[in-house]
Amino acid sequence: MTDPLDTESQRKQIIAKRNRAVALSLGALVVLFFVLTLVKFHP
């Protein structure tokens, strides 16, 4: 059988990776919005 501590650590690693992916996606959207705003309002 698998060790419960091992499955817990795997679960934490997966959650941490998912959190990083979500943070990077949100950061990319913020940068994209900022760039589009600069382009739109630049004379």
PDB file of N, CA and C in Angstrom:
ATOM      1  N   MET A   1       0.840  -1.200   0.000  1.00  0.00           N
ATOM      2  CA  MET A   1       0.000   0.000   0.000  1.00  0.00           C
ATOM      3  C   MET A   1       0.877   1.253   0.000  1.00  0.00           C
ATOM      4  N   THR A   2       0.259   2.336  -0.413  1.00  0.00           N
ATOM      5  CA  THR A   2       1.004   3.595  -0.409  1.00  0.00           C
ATOM      6  C   THR A   2       0.978   4.205   0.979  1.00  0.00           C
ATOM      7  N   ASP A   3       2.036   4.882   1.290  1.00  0.00           N
ATOM      8  CA  ASP A   3       2.155   5.543   2.586  1.00  0.00           C
ATOM      9  C   ASP A   3       1.273   6.796   2.597  1.00  0.00           C
ATOM     10  N   PRO A   4       0.432   6.993   3.618  1.00  0.00           N
ATOM     11  CA  PRO A   4      -0.437   8.182   3.656  1.00  0.00           C
ATOM     12  C   PRO A   4       0.341   9.490   3.620  1.00  0.00           C
ATOM     13  N   LEU A   5       1.524   9.520   4.238  1.00  0.00           N
ATOM     14  CA  LEU A   5       2.328  10.736   4.213  1.00  0.00           C
ATOM     15  C   LEU A   5       2.810  11.038   2.794  1.00  0.00           C
ATOM     16  N   ASP A   6       3.120   9.978   2.048  1.00  0.00           N
ATOM     17  CA  ASP A   6       3.588  10.160   0.673  1.00  0.00           C
ATOM     18  C   ASP A   6       2.470  10.725  -0.202  1.00  0.00           C
ATOM     19  N   THR A   7       1.271  10.194  -0.076  1.00  0.00           N
ATOM     20  CA  THR A   7       0.160  10.705  -0.881  1.00  0.00           C
ATOM     21  C   THR A   7      -0.172  12.140  -0.482  1.00  0.00           C
ATOM     22  N   GLU A   8      -0.039  12.462   0.779  1.00  0.00           N
ATOM     23  CA  GLU A   8      -0.288  13.834   1.245  1.00  0.00           C
ATOM     24  C   GLU A   8       0.747  14.800   0.669  1.00  0.00           C
ATOM     25  N   SER A   9       2.007  14.372   0.643  1.00  0.00           N
ATOM     26  CA  SER A   9       3.037  15.248   0.085  1.00  0.00           C
ATOM     27  C   SER A   9       2.848  15.404  -1.426  1.00  0.00           C
ATOM     28  N   GLN A  10       2.438  14.333  -2.101  1.00  0.00           N
ATOM     29  CA  GLN A  10       2.149  14.442  -3.535  1.00  0.00           C
ATOM     30  C   GLN A  10       0.998  15.407  -3.776  1.00  0.00           C
ATOM     31  N   ARG A  11      -0.022  15.316  -2.944  1.00  0.00           N
ATOM     32  CA  ARG A  11      -1.187  16.206  -3.072  1.00  0.00           C
ATOM     33  C   ARG A  11      -0.767  17.663  -2.882  1.00  0.00           C
ATOM     34  N   LYS A  12       0.080  17.915  -1.888  1.00  0.00           N
ATOM     35  CA  LYS A  12       0.552  19.282  -1.647  1.00  0.00           C
ATOM     36  C   LYS A  12       1.377  19.798  -2.822  1.00  0.00           C
ATOM     37  N   GLN A  13       2.202  18.928  -3.417  1.00  0.00           N
ATOM     38  CA  GLN A  13       2.999  19.334  -4.579  1.00  0.00           C
ATOM     39  C   GLN A  13       2.096  19.688  -5.757  1.00  0.00           C
ATOM     40  N   ILE A  14       1.064  18.873  -5.984  1.00  0.00           N
ATOM     41  CA  ILE A  14       0.143  19.130  -7.097  1.00  0.00           C
ATOM     42  C   ILE A  14      -0.595  20.448  -6.875  1.00  0.00           C
ATOM     43  N   ILE A  15      -1.036  20.689  -5.643  1.00  0.00           N
ATOM     44  CA  ILE A  15      -1.735  21.940  -5.338  1.00  0.00           C
ATOM     45  C   ILE A  15      -0.795  23.130  -5.526  1.00  0.00           C
ATOM     46  N   ALA A  16       0.448  22.997  -5.108  1.00  0.00           N
ATOM     47  CA  ALA A  16       1.415  24.080  -5.256  1.00  0.00           C
ATOM     48  C   ALA A  16       1.667  24.378  -6.739  1.00  0.00           C
ATOM     49  N   LYS A  17       1.790  23.334  -7.552  1.00  0.00           N
ATOM     50  CA  LYS A  17       1.989  23.536  -8.990  1.00  0.00           C
ATOM     51  C   LYS A  17       0.779  24.216  -9.612  1.00  0.00           C
ATOM     52  N   ARG A  18      -0.416  23.800  -9.196  1.00  0.00           N
ATOM     53  CA  ARG A  18      -1.634  24.402  -9.731  1.00  0.00           C
ATOM     54  C   ARG A  18      -1.718  25.872  -9.321  1.00  0.00           C
ATOM     55  N   ASN A  19      -1.360  26.172  -8.074  1.00  0.00           N
ATOM     56  CA  ASN A  19      -1.376  27.562  -7.615  1.00  0.00           C
ATOM     57  C   ASN A  19      -0.413  28.423  -8.419  1.00  0.00           C
ATOM     58  N   ARG A  20       0.768  27.894  -8.711  1.00  0.00           N
ATOM     59  CA  ARG A  20       1.734  28.645  -9.529  1.00  0.00           C
ATOM     60  C   ARG A  20       1.192  28.878 -10.931  1.00  0.00           C
ATOM     61  N   ALA A  21       0.558  27.871 -11.515  1.00  0.00           N
ATOM     62  CA  ALA A  21       0.007  28.010 -12.866  1.00  0.00           C
ATOM     63  C   ALA A  21      -1.094  29.069 -12.887  1.00  0.00           C
ATOM     64  N   VAL A  22      -1.957  29.071 -11.887  1.00  0.00           N
ATOM     65  CA  VAL A  22      -3.027  30.068 -11.813  1.00  0.00           C
ATOM     66  C   VAL A  22      -2.433  31.459 -11.629  1.00  0.00           C
ATOM     67  N   ALA A  23      -1.442  31.585 -10.776  1.00  0.00           N
ATOM     68  CA  ALA A  23      -0.805  32.886 -10.540  1.00  0.00           C
ATOM     69  C   ALA A  23      -0.139  33.410 -11.814  1.00  0.00           C
ATOM     70  N   LEU A  24       0.544  32.538 -12.542  1.00  0.00           N
ATOM     71  CA  LEU A  24       1.179  32.955 -13.794  1.00  0.00           C
ATOM     72  C   LEU A  24       0.133  33.375 -14.822  1.00  0.00           C
ATOM     73  N   SER A  25      -0.971  32.656 -14.887  1.00  0.00           N
ATOM     74  CA  SER A  25      -2.036  33.009 -15.832  1.00  0.00           C
ATOM     75  C   SER A  25      -2.633  34.371 -15.486  1.00  0.00           C
ATOM     76  N   LEU A  26      -2.909  34.594 -14.218  1.00  0.00           N
ATOM     77  CA  LEU A  26      -3.458  35.887 -13.807  1.00  0.00           C
ATOM     78  C   LEU A  26      -2.458  37.009 -14.063  1.00  0.00           C
ATOM     79  N   GLY A  27      -1.196  36.761 -13.786  1.00  0.00           N
ATOM     80  CA  GLY A  27      -0.168  37.759 -14.050  1.00  0.00           C
ATOM     81  C   GLY A  27      -0.069  38.085 -15.528  1.00  0.00           C
ATOM     82  N   ALA A  28      -0.160  37.067 -16.379  1.00  0.00           N
ATOM     83  CA  ALA A  28      -0.115  37.296 -17.826  1.00  0.00           C
ATOM     84  C   ALA A  28      -1.313  38.121 -18.279  1.00  0.00           C
ATOM     85  N   LEU A  29      -2.481  37.866 -17.714  1.00  0.00           N
ATOM     86  CA  LEU A  29      -3.670  38.644 -18.075  1.00  0.00           C
ATOM     87  C   LEU A  29      -3.527  40.096 -17.643  1.00  0.00           C
ATOM     88  N   VAL A  30      -2.955  40.317 -16.470  1.00  0.00           N
ATOM     89  CA  VAL A  30      -2.742  41.692 -15.993  1.00  0.00           C
ATOM     90  C   VAL A  30      -1.777  42.427 -16.919  1.00  0.00           C
ATOM     91  N   VAL A  31      -0.693  41.773 -17.292  1.00  0.00           N
ATOM     92  CA  VAL A  31       0.279  42.394 -18.199  1.00  0.00           C
ATOM     93  C   VAL A  31      -0.364  42.675 -19.551  1.00  0.00           C
ATOM     94  N   LEU A  32      -1.143  41.739 -20.064  1.00  0.00           N
ATOM     95  CA  LEU A  32      -1.827  41.930 -21.337  1.00  0.00           C
ATOM     96  C   LEU A  32      -2.783  43.113 -21.271  1.00  0.00           C
ATOM     97  N   PHE A  33      -3.554  43.201 -20.196  1.00  0.00           N
ATOM     98  CA  PHE A  33      -4.483  44.316 -20.021  1.00  0.00           C
ATOM     99  C   PHE A  33      -3.716  45.636 -19.962  1.00  0.00           C
ATOM    100  N   PHE A  34      -2.603  45.665 -19.245  1.00  0.00           N
ATOM    101  CA  PHE A  34      -1.796  46.871 -19.124  1.00  0.00           C
ATOM    102  C   PHE A  34      -1.257  47.308 -20.481  1.00  0.00           C
ATOM    103  N   VAL A  35      -0.736  46.361 -21.250  1.00  0.00           N
ATOM    104  CA  VAL A  35      -0.188  46.669 -22.570  1.00  0.00           C
ATOM    105  C   VAL A  35      -1.297  47.169 -23.500  1.00  0.00           C
ATOM    106  N   LEU A  36      -2.440  46.514 -23.485  1.00  0.00           N
ATOM    107  CA  LEU A  36      -3.545  46.957 -24.337  1.00  0.00           C
ATOM    108  C   LEU A  36      -4.017  48.355 -23.954  1.00  0.00           C
ATOM    109  N   THR A  37      -4.043  48.642 -22.664  1.00  0.00           N
ATOM    110  CA  THR A  37      -4.442  49.971 -22.208  1.00  0.00           C
ATOM    111  C   THR A  37      -3.438  51.022 -22.680  1.00  0.00           C
ATOM    112  N   LEU A  38      -2.151  50.709 -22.581  1.00  0.00           N
ATOM    113  CA  LEU A  38      -1.137  51.655 -23.052  1.00  0.00           C
ATOM    114  C   LEU A  38      -1.263  51.912 -24.544  1.00  0.00           C
ATOM    115  N   VAL A  39      -1.478  50.866 -25.309  1.00  0.00           N
ATOM    116  CA  VAL A  39      -1.587  50.995 -26.760  1.00  0.00           C
ATOM    117  C   VAL A  39      -2.843  51.782 -27.131  1.00  0.00           C
ATOM    118  N   LYS A  40      -3.924  51.510 -26.430  1.00  0.00           N
ATOM    119  CA  LYS A  40      -5.207  52.148 -26.755  1.00  0.00           C
ATOM    120  C   LYS A  40      -5.170  53.638 -26.455  1.00  0.00           C
ATOM    121  N   PHE A  41      -4.580  54.038 -25.348  1.00  0.00           N
ATOM    122  CA  PHE A  41      -4.622  55.450 -24.920  1.00  0.00           C
ATOM    123  C   PHE A  41      -3.361  56.223 -25.269  1.00  0.00           C
ATOM    124  N   HIS A  42      -2.415  55.582 -25.938  1.00  0.00           N
ATOM    125  CA  HIS A  42      -1.205  56.307 -26.355  1.00  0.00           C
ATOM    126  C   HIS A  42      -1.524  57.167 -27.586  1.00  0.00           C
ATOM    127  N   PRO A  43      -1.132  58.448 -27.557  1.00  0.00           N
ATOM    128  CA  PRO A  43      -1.504  59.325 -28.673  1.00  0.00           C
ATOM    129  C   PRO A  43      -0.849  58.951 -29.993  1.00  0.00           C
TER     130      PRO A  43
END
